[in-house]
Amino acid sequence: MNMNPFELLKNAQSMKEQFAKIQEELKLIEVTGSAGGGIVKVTVNGQFETQRVELDPIAVDPRDIPMLQDLITAASRDAVSRVQDAVKDKLGPLANGLNIPGLNL
């Protein structure tokens, strides 16, 4: 097989530009995970950074802090799972076969 090194560089540059564009788009993604029927909500961006935590006043019971901690943890997991799905959708075929930390592709 005869490979043209200039063609390889051109393809690599194109992929680099596509990934840069996708990274910018991922910054704009925000998804919200919830737990406890929506009494705890956690919003995470496309870079897996927590943006907001919203608590329904009913969730704040000083006598049951462990339950609130569990709900926040569950909502965070839900939000991260949703971000993973959104990132997979964004990357599509570009991510096929790549080992990207945090994503089970």
Protein backbone atom coordinates (compact mmCIF):
# COMPACT_ATOMS: atom_id res chain seq x y z
CA MET A 1 0.00 0.00 0.00
CA ASN A 2 1.44 3.32 -1.10
CA MET A 3 0.57 6.16 1.30
CA ASN A 4 1.01 9.79 0.44
CA PRO A 5 2.43 11.57 3.52
CA PHE A 6 0.87 14.87 2.42
CA GLU A 7 -2.56 13.22 2.26
CA LEU A 8 -2.04 11.84 5.78
CA LEU A 9 -1.13 15.31 7.07
CA LYS A 10 -4.16 16.80 5.35
CA ASN A 11 -6.44 14.20 6.95
CA ALA A 12 -4.83 14.70 10.36
CA GLN A 13 -5.32 18.46 10.11
CA SER A 14 -8.96 17.97 9.12
CA MET A 15 -9.57 15.69 12.10
CA LYS A 16 -7.85 18.17 14.41
CA GLU A 17 -10.14 20.94 13.17
CA GLN A 18 -13.21 18.73 13.63
CA PHE A 19 -12.21 17.87 17.21
CA ALA A 20 -11.56 21.55 18.01
CA LYS A 21 -15.02 22.44 16.70
CA ILE A 22 -16.63 19.66 18.73
CA GLN A 23 -14.77 20.74 21.89
CA GLU A 24 -16.22 24.23 21.48
CA GLU A 25 -19.70 22.77 20.97
CA LEU A 26 -19.33 20.60 24.08
CA LYS A 27 -18.77 23.71 26.19
CA LEU A 28 -22.31 24.76 25.29
CA ILE A 29 -23.96 21.49 26.34
CA GLU A 30 -25.70 21.53 29.71
CA VAL A 31 -27.76 18.65 31.00
CA THR A 32 -29.59 18.21 34.27
CA GLY A 33 -29.79 14.98 36.21
CA SER A 34 -32.28 14.50 38.99
CA ALA A 35 -33.06 12.25 41.92
CA GLY A 36 -35.86 11.78 44.39
CA GLY A 37 -38.53 12.57 41.85
CA GLY A 38 -36.87 15.88 40.97
CA ILE A 39 -36.34 17.24 44.47
CA VAL A 40 -32.57 17.28 43.81
CA LYS A 41 -31.22 18.45 40.44
CA VAL A 42 -27.60 18.70 39.30
CA THR A 43 -26.61 20.45 36.07
CA VAL A 44 -23.35 19.41 34.37
CA ASN A 45 -21.75 20.84 31.23
CA GLY A 46 -20.21 18.96 28.32
CA GLN A 47 -16.84 19.03 30.05
CA PHE A 48 -18.28 17.16 33.05
CA GLU A 49 -18.14 20.22 35.31
CA THR A 50 -20.97 20.71 37.80
CA GLN A 51 -22.67 24.02 37.05
CA ARG A 52 -25.58 24.06 39.50
CA VAL A 53 -27.19 22.10 42.31
CA GLU A 54 -30.88 22.80 42.95
CA LEU A 55 -32.65 21.59 46.07
CA ASP A 56 -36.37 21.60 46.67
CA PRO A 57 -36.87 22.89 50.24
CA ILE A 58 -38.57 19.60 51.11
CA ALA A 59 -35.19 17.86 50.57
CA VAL A 60 -33.55 19.87 53.34
CA ASP A 61 -34.25 18.01 56.56
CA PRO A 62 -31.45 18.58 59.08
CA ARG A 63 -32.38 15.29 60.73
CA ASP A 64 -31.69 13.31 57.53
CA ILE A 65 -28.50 14.68 55.99
CA PRO A 66 -27.41 11.21 54.71
CA MET A 67 -30.53 11.01 52.53
CA LEU A 68 -29.80 14.42 51.02
CA GLN A 69 -26.20 13.38 50.36
CA ASP A 70 -27.41 10.23 48.60
CA LEU A 71 -29.85 12.23 46.48
CA ILE A 72 -27.14 14.69 45.41
CA THR A 73 -24.83 11.81 44.52
CA ALA A 74 -27.59 10.09 42.51
CA ALA A 75 -28.48 13.30 40.67
CA SER A 76 -24.80 13.88 39.85
CA ARG A 77 -24.47 10.38 38.42
CA ASP A 78 -27.61 10.90 36.36
CA ALA A 79 -26.29 14.19 34.98
CA VAL A 80 -22.88 12.71 34.10
CA SER A 81 -24.57 9.79 32.33
CA ARG A 82 -26.63 12.25 30.30
CA VAL A 83 -23.51 14.25 29.39
CA GLN A 84 -21.79 11.04 28.26
CA ASP A 85 -24.74 10.32 25.98
CA ALA A 86 -24.68 13.87 24.59
CA VAL A 87 -20.92 13.70 23.96
CA LYS A 88 -21.29 10.36 22.19
CA ASP A 89 -23.99 11.86 19.98
CA LYS A 90 -21.79 14.88 19.20
CA LEU A 91 -18.66 12.88 18.43
CA GLY A 92 -20.49 10.22 16.46
CA PRO A 93 -18.22 8.36 14.07
CA LEU A 94 -15.20 10.51 14.98
CA ALA A 95 -14.96 8.73 18.33
CA ASN A 96 -15.39 5.24 16.93
CA GLY A 97 -12.54 3.15 18.30
CA LEU A 98 -11.01 5.96 20.34
CA ASN A 99 -10.39 5.43 24.02
CA ILE A 100 -11.68 8.65 25.55
CA PRO A 101 -11.58 8.77 29.36
CA GLY A 102 -15.03 9.04 30.88
CA LEU A 103 -16.78 7.69 27.82
CA ASN A 104 -17.64 4.08 27.27
CA LEU A 105 -17.76 4.04 23.48
